[in-house]
């Protein structure tokens, strides 16, 4: 988790603990999300994607700062090709027999490291169907209680600011200054056969990620993420399914965030 994401998490949790976000996370709101009320029409896994949103243009995302990182990214890319790692949801290889969701045991073993570039400390970055699009560079962040969408992605999804609901509570951590979210929206998030209507806080800020999926989505999915094994597994009526992380993209995003922070620091006035 980046420093900015950590600061965002800490501030949002303080606001929630103080009761300032009750109007956004109360039981009635949760029930509406569960029932899909006031949300966009649901999509199924059979509905074709309207397209793929790779990443919001950011020149830092293509920059590589060291030969070491270049080598690690090349190795990760080679592993993805060698093991034919897919960005789409699929049945986890060790779970071929479908059981009731409550009977399914989710675990990881050393065998799951075969297609992982080691050693690493990469975040878990995946591709998810949000709305009608397959969106890349989605950060899975267990430390965030909220789902966050960046404004550029919101526009790429073909949505207008006038469709946003009000969300006036300031958020800290993106640039050290308070950021007022543009608003909130409810969109379908599809992972295999599981389709959930999720509430996103939309912010206008610089980030190498397109969106952040936090604890609310993970809990409702009953999903178990692992940064070490670079996989997200969750129960379904068809069996335990998984999403693979993209280590190449994860490293690019970490570099982008690091270089952006360094550039911001370089622009600060020097000591007198």
C-alpha atoms as a PDB file:
ATOM      1  CA  UNK A   1       0.000   0.000   0.000  1.00  0.00           C
ATOM      2  CA  UNK A   2       1.441   3.377  -0.977  1.00  0.00           C
ATOM      3  CA  UNK A   3       1.999   6.126   1.572  1.00  0.00           C
ATOM      4  CA  UNK A   4      -0.803   8.175   0.016  1.00  0.00           C
ATOM      5  CA  UNK A   5      -3.232   5.253   0.253  1.00  0.00           C
ATOM      6  CA  UNK A   6      -2.206   4.691   3.869  1.00  0.00           C
ATOM      7  CA  UNK A   7      -2.838   8.334   4.758  1.00  0.00           C
ATOM      8  CA  UNK A   8      -6.217   8.177   3.026  1.00  0.00           C
ATOM      9  CA  UNK A   9      -7.119   5.015   4.942  1.00  0.00           C
ATOM     10  CA  UNK A  10      -6.128   6.490   8.320  1.00  0.00           C
ATOM     11  CA  UNK A  11      -8.077   9.696   7.746  1.00  0.00           C
ATOM     12  CA  UNK A  12     -11.221   7.971   6.480  1.00  0.00           C
ATOM     13  CA  UNK A  13     -11.207   5.540   9.414  1.00  0.00           C
ATOM     14  CA  UNK A  14     -10.872   8.444  11.860  1.00  0.00           C
ATOM     15  CA  UNK A  15     -13.860  10.140  10.242  1.00  0.00           C
ATOM     16  CA  UNK A  16     -15.863   6.902  10.373  1.00  0.00           C
ATOM     17  CA  UNK A  17     -14.974   6.312  14.041  1.00  0.00           C
ATOM     18  CA  UNK A  18     -16.075   9.844  14.891  1.00  0.00           C
ATOM     19  CA  UNK A  19     -19.412   9.239  13.216  1.00  0.00           C
ATOM     20  CA  UNK A  20     -18.889  11.805  10.440  1.00  0.00           C
ATOM     21  CA  UNK A  21     -19.541   9.231   7.709  1.00  0.00           C
ATOM     22  CA  UNK A  22     -22.647   7.607   9.217  1.00  0.00           C
ATOM     23  CA  UNK A  23     -24.840   9.087   6.507  1.00  0.00           C
ATOM     24  CA  UNK A  24     -22.791   7.234   3.907  1.00  0.00           C
ATOM     25  CA  UNK A  25     -22.319   3.859   5.587  1.00  0.00           C
ATOM     26  CA  UNK A  26     -25.574   3.377   7.497  1.00  0.00           C
ATOM     27  CA  UNK A  27     -27.602   0.172   7.385  1.00  0.00           C
ATOM     28  CA  UNK A  28     -30.235   1.577   5.056  1.00  0.00           C
ATOM     29  CA  UNK A  29     -27.611   2.442   2.474  1.00  0.00           C
ATOM     30  CA  UNK A  30     -26.076  -1.015   2.748  1.00  0.00           C
ATOM     31  CA  UNK A  31     -29.471  -2.623   2.243  1.00  0.00           C
ATOM     32  CA  UNK A  32     -29.994  -0.611  -0.906  1.00  0.00           C
ATOM     33  CA  UNK A  33     -26.680  -1.800  -2.271  1.00  0.00           C
ATOM     34  CA  UNK A  34     -27.530  -5.401  -1.410  1.00  0.00           C
ATOM     35  CA  UNK A  35     -30.847  -5.123  -3.225  1.00  0.00           C
ATOM     36  CA  UNK A  36     -29.378  -3.177  -6.121  1.00  0.00           C
ATOM     37  CA  UNK A  37     -31.797  -0.274  -5.559  1.00  0.00           C
ATOM     38  CA  UNK A  38     -31.033   3.062  -7.216  1.00  0.00           C
ATOM     39  CA  UNK A  39     -28.232   1.337  -9.078  1.00  0.00           C
ATOM     40  CA  UNK A  40     -27.434   0.679 -12.689  1.00  0.00           C
ATOM     41  CA  UNK A  41     -28.850  -2.412 -14.411  1.00  0.00           C
ATOM     42  CA  UNK A  42     -26.918  -5.556 -13.437  1.00  0.00           C
ATOM     43  CA  UNK A  43     -24.576  -7.313 -15.826  1.00  0.00           C
ATOM     44  CA  UNK A  44     -23.818 -11.001 -16.037  1.00  0.00           C
ATOM     45  CA  UNK A  45     -20.559 -12.784 -16.792  1.00  0.00           C
ATOM     46  CA  UNK A  46     -21.998 -13.538 -20.253  1.00  0.00           C
ATOM     47  CA  UNK A  47     -22.365  -9.853 -21.117  1.00  0.00           C
ATOM     48  CA  UNK A  48     -19.486  -8.828 -23.411  1.00  0.00           C
ATOM     49  CA  UNK A  49     -17.176  -6.065 -22.253  1.00  0.00           C
ATOM     50  CA  UNK A  50     -17.667  -2.667 -23.886  1.00  0.00           C
ATOM     51  CA  UNK A  51     -13.890  -2.333 -24.004  1.00  0.00           C
ATOM     52  CA  UNK A  52     -10.733  -2.365 -21.916  1.00  0.00           C
ATOM     53  CA  UNK A  53      -9.559   0.652 -19.917  1.00  0.00           C
ATOM     54  CA  UNK A  54      -5.834   0.139 -19.540  1.00  0.00           C
ATOM     55  CA  UNK A  55      -4.664   3.156 -17.576  1.00  0.00           C
ATOM     56  CA  UNK A  56      -5.260   6.849 -17.447  1.00  0.00           C
ATOM     57  CA  UNK A  57      -2.447   8.511 -19.382  1.00  0.00           C
ATOM     58  CA  UNK A  58       0.440   9.282 -17.076  1.00  0.00           C
ATOM     59  CA  UNK A  59       3.981   9.569 -18.469  1.00  0.00           C
ATOM     60  CA  UNK A  60       5.425   8.397 -15.150  1.00  0.00           C
ATOM     61  CA  UNK A  61       3.767   4.995 -15.501  1.00  0.00           C
ATOM     62  CA  UNK A  62       6.068   4.023 -18.373  1.00  0.00           C
ATOM     63  CA  UNK A  63       9.211   5.213 -16.645  1.00  0.00           C
ATOM     64  CA  UNK A  64      11.678   2.740 -15.139  1.00  0.00           C
ATOM     65  CA  UNK A  65      14.142   4.120 -12.622  1.00  0.00           C
ATOM     66  CA  UNK A  66      16.708   1.331 -12.369  1.00  0.00           C
ATOM     67  CA  UNK A  67      18.205  -1.666 -14.118  1.00  0.00           C
ATOM     68  CA  UNK A  68      17.091  -3.789 -11.171  1.00  0.00           C
ATOM     69  CA  UNK A  69      13.437  -2.892 -11.655  1.00  0.00           C
ATOM     70  CA  UNK A  70      13.784  -3.429 -15.395  1.00  0.00           C
ATOM     71  CA  UNK A  71      15.082  -6.945 -14.788  1.00  0.00           C
ATOM     72  CA  UNK A  72      12.306  -7.744 -12.298  1.00  0.00           C
ATOM     73  CA  UNK A  73       9.627  -6.528 -14.689  1.00  0.00           C
ATOM     74  CA  UNK A  74      11.123  -8.542 -17.545  1.00  0.00           C
ATOM     75  CA  UNK A  75      11.156 -11.638 -15.346  1.00  0.00           C
ATOM     76  CA  UNK A  76       7.562 -11.051 -14.254  1.00  0.00           C
ATOM     77  CA  UNK A  77       6.490 -10.557 -17.879  1.00  0.00           C
ATOM     78  CA  UNK A  78       8.269 -13.796 -18.866  1.00  0.00           C
ATOM     79  CA  UNK A  79       6.438 -15.713 -16.123  1.00  0.00           C
ATOM     80  CA  UNK A  80       3.084 -14.319 -17.246  1.00  0.00           C
ATOM     81  CA  UNK A  81       3.783 -15.567 -20.774  1.00  0.00           C
ATOM     82  CA  UNK A  82       5.212 -18.927 -19.682  1.00  0.00           C
ATOM     83  CA  UNK A  83       2.281 -19.780 -17.415  1.00  0.00           C
ATOM     84  CA  UNK A  84      -0.327 -18.084 -19.630  1.00  0.00           C
ATOM     85  CA  UNK A  85      -1.526 -16.026 -16.675  1.00  0.00           C
ATOM     86  CA  UNK A  86      -4.982 -14.626 -17.348  1.00  0.00           C
ATOM     87  CA  UNK A  87      -6.400 -11.328 -16.147  1.00  0.00           C
ATOM     88  CA  UNK A  88      -9.921 -12.764 -16.214  1.00  0.00           C
ATOM     89  CA  UNK A  89     -11.628 -14.674 -13.396  1.00  0.00           C
ATOM     90  CA  UNK A  90     -11.226 -18.465 -13.572  1.00  0.00           C
ATOM     91  CA  UNK A  91     -11.602 -21.529 -11.366  1.00  0.00           C
ATOM     92  CA  UNK A  92      -8.689 -21.992  -8.997  1.00  0.00           C
ATOM     93  CA  UNK A  93      -6.781 -25.086 -10.225  1.00  0.00           C
ATOM     94  CA  UNK A  94      -7.058 -27.080  -6.979  1.00  0.00           C
ATOM     95  CA  UNK A  95     -10.807 -26.545  -6.675  1.00  0.00           C
ATOM     96  CA  UNK A  96     -12.438 -28.485  -9.495  1.00  0.00           C
ATOM     97  CA  UNK A  97     -15.403 -29.863  -7.517  1.00  0.00           C
ATOM     98  CA  UNK A  98     -18.184 -27.415  -6.759  1.00  0.00           C
ATOM     99  CA  UNK A  99     -19.444 -27.383  -3.163  1.00  0.00           C
ATOM    100  CA  UNK A 100     -21.804 -25.199  -1.241  1.00  0.00           C
ATOM    101  CA  UNK A 101     -20.204 -21.788  -0.731  1.00  0.00           C
ATOM    102  CA  UNK A 102     -20.111 -22.213   3.057  1.00  0.00           C
ATOM    103  CA  UNK A 103     -18.221 -25.532   2.690  1.00  0.00           C
ATOM    104  CA  UNK A 104     -15.504 -24.186   0.422  1.00  0.00           C
ATOM    105  CA  UNK A 105     -12.101 -23.809   2.063  1.00  0.00           C
ATOM    106  CA  UNK A 106      -9.809 -21.189   0.560  1.00  0.00           C
ATOM    107  CA  UNK A 107      -6.088 -21.689   1.038  1.00  0.00           C
ATOM    108  CA  UNK A 108      -2.730 -21.033  -0.611  1.00  0.00           C
ATOM    109  CA  UNK A 109       0.335 -23.253  -0.898  1.00  0.00           C
ATOM    110  CA  UNK A 110       3.896 -23.070  -2.209  1.00  0.00           C
ATOM    111  CA  UNK A 111       2.599 -24.525  -5.457  1.00  0.00           C
ATOM    112  CA  UNK A 112       0.786 -21.221  -6.022  1.00  0.00           C
ATOM    113  CA  UNK A 113       4.159 -19.459  -6.217  1.00  0.00           C
ATOM    114  CA  UNK A 114       5.139 -21.213  -9.456  1.00  0.00           C
ATOM    115  CA  UNK A 115       4.003 -18.290 -11.583  1.00  0.00           C
ATOM    116  CA  UNK A 116       5.092 -15.525  -9.176  1.00  0.00           C
ATOM    117  CA  UNK A 117       8.281 -13.505  -9.635  1.00  0.00           C
ATOM    118  CA  UNK A 118      10.221 -13.832  -6.362  1.00  0.00           C
ATOM    119  CA  UNK A 119      11.340 -12.182  -4.191  1.00  0.00           C
ATOM    120  CA  UNK A 120       8.850  -9.326  -4.356  1.00  0.00           C
ATOM    121  CA  UNK A 121       6.876  -6.857  -2.261  1.00  0.00           C
ATOM    122  CA  UNK A 122       4.332  -5.969  -4.937  1.00  0.00           C
ATOM    123  CA  UNK A 123       0.802  -4.813  -4.130  1.00  0.00           C
ATOM    124  CA  UNK A 124      -2.081  -6.832  -5.580  1.00  0.00           C
ATOM    125  CA  UNK A 125      -3.181  -5.119  -8.799  1.00  0.00           C
ATOM    126  CA  UNK A 126      -5.886  -6.764 -10.919  1.00  0.00           C
ATOM    127  CA  UNK A 127      -8.311  -6.237 -13.803  1.00  0.00           C
ATOM    128  CA  UNK A 128     -12.022  -5.987 -12.919  1.00  0.00           C
ATOM    129  CA  UNK A 129     -15.218  -5.409 -14.888  1.00  0.00           C
ATOM    130  CA  UNK A 130     -16.564  -2.081 -13.633  1.00  0.00           C
ATOM    131  CA  UNK A 131     -19.694  -0.908 -15.390  1.00  0.00           C
ATOM    132  CA  UNK A 132     -19.362  -2.141 -18.962  1.00  0.00           C
ATOM    133  CA  UNK A 133     -15.558  -2.032 -19.122  1.00  0.00           C
ATOM    134  CA  UNK A 134     -12.654  -4.255 -18.150  1.00  0.00           C
ATOM    135  CA  UNK A 135     -10.612  -1.869 -16.019  1.00  0.00           C
ATOM    136  CA  UNK A 136      -6.925  -2.538 -15.470  1.00  0.00           C
ATOM    137  CA  UNK A 137      -4.733  -1.162 -12.655  1.00  0.00           C
ATOM    138  CA  UNK A 138      -7.255  -1.777  -9.885  1.00  0.00           C
ATOM    139  CA  UNK A 139      -5.538  -1.869  -6.477  1.00  0.00           C
ATOM    140  CA  UNK A 140      -6.832  -4.371  -3.914  1.00  0.00           C
ATOM    141  CA  UNK A 141      -6.353  -2.628  -0.559  1.00  0.00           C
ATOM    142  CA  UNK A 142      -7.468  -4.371   2.646  1.00  0.00           C
ATOM    143  CA  UNK A 143      -6.573  -1.217   4.567  1.00  0.00           C
ATOM    144  CA  UNK A 144      -9.225   0.897   2.859  1.00  0.00           C
ATOM    145  CA  UNK A 145     -12.823   0.659   4.050  1.00  0.00           C
ATOM    146  CA  UNK A 146     -14.040   2.588   0.986  1.00  0.00           C
ATOM    147  CA  UNK A 147     -13.968   1.951  -2.738  1.00  0.00           C
ATOM    148  CA  UNK A 148     -12.270   4.852  -4.528  1.00  0.00           C
ATOM    149  CA  UNK A 149     -12.495   5.754  -8.203  1.00  0.00           C
ATOM    150  CA  UNK A 150     -10.350   8.398  -9.846  1.00  0.00           C
ATOM    151  CA  UNK A 151     -12.030  11.062 -11.951  1.00  0.00           C
ATOM    152  CA  UNK A 152     -10.256  10.179 -15.196  1.00  0.00           C
ATOM    153  CA  UNK A 153     -11.599   6.623 -15.006  1.00  0.00           C
ATOM    154  CA  UNK A 154     -15.068   7.951 -14.194  1.00  0.00           C
ATOM    155  CA  UNK A 155     -14.959   9.948 -17.433  1.00  0.00           C
ATOM    156  CA  UNK A 156     -13.587   6.977 -19.398  1.00  0.00           C
ATOM    157  CA  UNK A 157     -16.639   5.009 -18.283  1.00  0.00           C
ATOM    158  CA  UNK A 158     -18.762   7.584 -20.100  1.00  0.00           C
ATOM    159  CA  UNK A 159     -20.257   9.081 -16.940  1.00  0.00           C
ATOM    160  CA  UNK A 160     -20.951  12.736 -16.170  1.00  0.00           C
ATOM    161  CA  UNK A 161     -20.315  14.629 -12.940  1.00  0.00           C
ATOM    162  CA  UNK A 162     -23.995  15.573 -12.881  1.00  0.00           C
ATOM    163  CA  UNK A 163     -24.809  11.909 -12.164  1.00  0.00           C
ATOM    164  CA  UNK A 164     -22.821  11.922  -8.906  1.00  0.00           C
ATOM    165  CA  UNK A 165     -24.467  11.990  -5.491  1.00  0.00           C
ATOM    166  CA  UNK A 166     -23.182  14.440  -2.899  1.00  0.00           C
ATOM    167  CA  UNK A 167     -20.184  13.556  -0.733  1.00  0.00           C
ATOM    168  CA  UNK A 168     -18.792  16.666   0.923  1.00  0.00           C
ATOM    169  CA  UNK A 169     -16.455  15.187   3.546  1.00  0.00           C
ATOM    170  CA  UNK A 170     -12.830  16.179   2.764  1.00  0.00           C
ATOM    171  CA  UNK A 171     -10.204  13.504   2.233  1.00  0.00           C
ATOM    172  CA  UNK A 172      -6.541  13.943   3.121  1.00  0.00           C
ATOM    173  CA  UNK A 173      -3.472  12.172   1.810  1.00  0.00           C
ATOM    174  CA  UNK A 174      -3.307  12.626  -1.954  1.00  0.00           C
ATOM    175  CA  UNK A 175      -1.105  15.728  -1.993  1.00  0.00           C
ATOM    176  CA  UNK A 176      -0.975  16.665   1.676  1.00  0.00           C
ATOM    177  CA  UNK A 177      -3.875  19.066   1.155  1.00  0.00           C
ATOM    178  CA  UNK A 178      -7.557  18.337   1.784  1.00  0.00           C
ATOM    179  CA  UNK A 179      -9.375  17.051  -1.286  1.00  0.00           C
ATOM    180  CA  UNK A 180     -13.140  17.383  -1.575  1.00  0.00           C
ATOM    181  CA  UNK A 181     -14.506  14.317  -3.396  1.00  0.00           C
ATOM    182  CA  UNK A 182     -16.503  15.106  -6.505  1.00  0.00           C
ATOM    183  CA  UNK A 183     -19.219  12.826  -5.173  1.00  0.00           C
ATOM    184  CA  UNK A 184     -20.188   9.187  -5.008  1.00  0.00           C
ATOM    185  CA  UNK A 185     -21.716   6.740  -7.445  1.00  0.00           C
ATOM    186  CA  UNK A 186     -22.985   3.161  -7.508  1.00  0.00           C
ATOM    187  CA  UNK A 187     -21.694   0.885 -10.269  1.00  0.00           C
ATOM    188  CA  UNK A 188     -21.766  -2.865 -10.906  1.00  0.00           C
ATOM    189  CA  UNK A 189     -18.504  -4.722 -10.277  1.00  0.00           C
ATOM    190  CA  UNK A 190     -18.357  -8.127 -11.935  1.00  0.00           C
ATOM    191  CA  UNK A 191     -15.937 -10.907 -10.940  1.00  0.00           C
ATOM    192  CA  UNK A 192     -16.836 -14.194 -12.594  1.00  0.00           C
ATOM    193  CA  UNK A 193     -20.461 -15.015 -11.705  1.00  0.00           C
ATOM    194  CA  UNK A 194     -20.479 -12.567  -8.771  1.00  0.00           C
ATOM    195  CA  UNK A 195     -22.009  -9.197  -9.609  1.00  0.00           C
ATOM    196  CA  UNK A 196     -22.220  -6.575  -6.840  1.00  0.00           C
ATOM    197  CA  UNK A 197     -23.471  -3.013  -6.887  1.00  0.00           C
ATOM    198  CA  UNK A 198     -20.676  -1.026  -5.231  1.00  0.00           C
ATOM    199  CA  UNK A 199     -20.539   2.549  -4.013  1.00  0.00           C
ATOM    200  CA  UNK A 200     -17.437   4.453  -5.156  1.00  0.00           C
ATOM    201  CA  UNK A 201     -16.117   7.737  -3.810  1.00  0.00           C
ATOM    202  CA  UNK A 202     -14.973   9.693  -6.881  1.00  0.00           C
ATOM    203  CA  UNK A 203     -11.947  11.944  -6.428  1.00  0.00           C
ATOM    204  CA  UNK A 204      -9.946  14.176  -8.727  1.00  0.00           C
ATOM    205  CA  UNK A 205      -6.339  13.406  -7.850  1.00  0.00           C
ATOM    206  CA  UNK A 206      -3.178  12.068  -9.419  1.00  0.00           C
ATOM    207  CA  UNK A 207      -2.716   8.305  -9.059  1.00  0.00           C
ATOM    208  CA  UNK A 208      -1.102   5.473 -11.029  1.00  0.00           C
ATOM    209  CA  UNK A 209      -4.194   3.381 -10.234  1.00  0.00           C
ATOM    210  CA  UNK A 210      -7.610   3.626 -11.851  1.00  0.00           C
ATOM    211  CA  UNK A 211      -9.528   2.530  -8.755  1.00  0.00           C
ATOM    212  CA  UNK A 212      -9.092   1.071  -5.266  1.00  0.00           C
ATOM    213  CA  UNK A 213     -11.234  -1.806  -4.005  1.00  0.00           C
ATOM    214  CA  UNK A 214     -11.364  -1.893  -0.212  1.00  0.00           C
ATOM    215  CA  UNK A 215     -12.791  -3.997   2.594  1.00  0.00           C
ATOM    216  CA  UNK A 216     -16.455  -3.454   1.764  1.00  0.00           C
ATOM    217  CA  UNK A 217     -16.105  -5.222  -1.598  1.00  0.00           C
ATOM    218  CA  UNK A 218     -13.786  -7.904  -0.195  1.00  0.00           C
ATOM    219  CA  UNK A 219     -16.161  -8.728   2.661  1.00  0.00           C
ATOM    220  CA  UNK A 220     -19.204  -8.900   0.408  1.00  0.00           C
ATOM    221  CA  UNK A 221     -17.272 -11.119  -2.013  1.00  0.00           C
ATOM    222  CA  UNK A 222     -16.031 -13.268   0.909  1.00  0.00           C
ATOM    223  CA  UNK A 223     -12.719 -12.888  -0.916  1.00  0.00           C
ATOM    224  CA  UNK A 224      -9.256 -13.727   0.411  1.00  0.00           C
ATOM    225  CA  UNK A 225      -6.465 -11.681  -1.210  1.00  0.00           C
ATOM    226  CA  UNK A 226      -2.777 -12.565  -0.984  1.00  0.00           C
ATOM    227  CA  UNK A 227      -0.059 -10.154  -2.040  1.00  0.00           C
ATOM    228  CA  UNK A 228       2.580 -12.883  -1.587  1.00  0.00           C
ATOM    229  CA  UNK A 229       0.807 -15.360  -3.875  1.00  0.00           C
ATOM    230  CA  UNK A 230      -0.513 -12.552  -6.110  1.00  0.00           C
ATOM    231  CA  UNK A 231      -4.001 -14.024  -6.170  1.00  0.00           C
ATOM    232  CA  UNK A 232      -7.500 -13.131  -5.022  1.00  0.00           C
ATOM    233  CA  UNK A 233      -9.722 -16.139  -4.315  1.00  0.00           C
ATOM    234  CA  UNK A 234     -13.428 -16.193  -3.524  1.00  0.00           C
ATOM    235  CA  UNK A 235     -16.253 -18.763  -3.261  1.00  0.00           C
ATOM    236  CA  UNK A 236     -18.942 -19.089  -5.927  1.00  0.00           C
ATOM    237  CA  UNK A 237     -21.688 -21.640  -6.651  1.00  0.00           C
ATOM    238  CA  UNK A 238     -19.372 -22.996  -9.363  1.00  0.00           C
ATOM    239  CA  UNK A 239     -16.435 -23.468  -6.991  1.00  0.00           C
ATOM    240  CA  UNK A 240     -13.580 -21.315  -5.699  1.00  0.00           C
ATOM    241  CA  UNK A 241     -12.483 -18.828  -8.337  1.00  0.00           C
ATOM    242  CA  UNK A 242      -9.425 -16.623  -8.500  1.00  0.00           C
ATOM    243  CA  UNK A 243      -8.064 -13.447 -10.022  1.00  0.00           C
ATOM    244  CA  UNK A 244      -4.339 -13.206 -10.722  1.00  0.00           C
ATOM    245  CA  UNK A 245      -2.381 -10.095  -9.869  1.00  0.00           C
ATOM    246  CA  UNK A 246      -0.274  -8.406 -12.545  1.00  0.00           C
ATOM    247  CA  UNK A 247       3.233  -7.934 -11.146  1.00  0.00           C
ATOM    248  CA  UNK A 248       4.458  -5.991 -14.165  1.00  0.00           C
ATOM    249  CA  UNK A 249       1.701  -3.428 -13.764  1.00  0.00           C
ATOM    250  CA  UNK A 250       2.135  -3.386  -9.970  1.00  0.00           C
ATOM    251  CA  UNK A 251       5.819  -2.499 -10.289  1.00  0.00           C
ATOM    252  CA  UNK A 252       5.048   0.212 -12.849  1.00  0.00           C
ATOM    253  CA  UNK A 253       2.493   1.756 -10.512  1.00  0.00           C
ATOM    254  CA  UNK A 254       4.869   1.729  -7.536  1.00  0.00           C
ATOM    255  CA  UNK A 255       7.549   3.396  -9.663  1.00  0.00           C
ATOM    256  CA  UNK A 256       5.070   5.972 -10.919  1.00  0.00           C
ATOM    257  CA  UNK A 257       3.989   6.898  -7.386  1.00  0.00           C
ATOM    258  CA  UNK A 258       7.606   7.056  -6.199  1.00  0.00           C
ATOM    259  CA  UNK A 259       8.758   9.235  -9.093  1.00  0.00           C
ATOM    260  CA  UNK A 260       5.760  11.549  -8.720  1.00  0.00           C
ATOM    261  CA  UNK A 261       6.540  12.050  -5.043  1.00  0.00           C
ATOM    262  CA  UNK A 262      10.202  12.737  -5.868  1.00  0.00           C
ATOM    263  CA  UNK A 263       9.171  15.268  -8.525  1.00  0.00           C
ATOM    264  CA  UNK A 264       6.860  17.041  -6.068  1.00  0.00           C
ATOM    265  CA  UNK A 265       9.632  17.184  -3.476  1.00  0.00           C
ATOM    266  CA  UNK A 266      12.053  18.619  -6.048  1.00  0.00           C
ATOM    267  CA  UNK A 267       9.600  21.445  -6.748  1.00  0.00           C
ATOM    268  CA  UNK A 268       9.458  22.452  -3.082  1.00  0.00           C
ATOM    269  CA  UNK A 269      11.348  25.668  -2.178  1.00  0.00           C
ATOM    270  CA  UNK A 270      14.822  25.006  -0.830  1.00  0.00           C
ATOM    271  CA  UNK A 271      15.859  25.802   2.727  1.00  0.00           C
ATOM    272  CA  UNK A 272      17.163  29.323   3.247  1.00  0.00           C
END
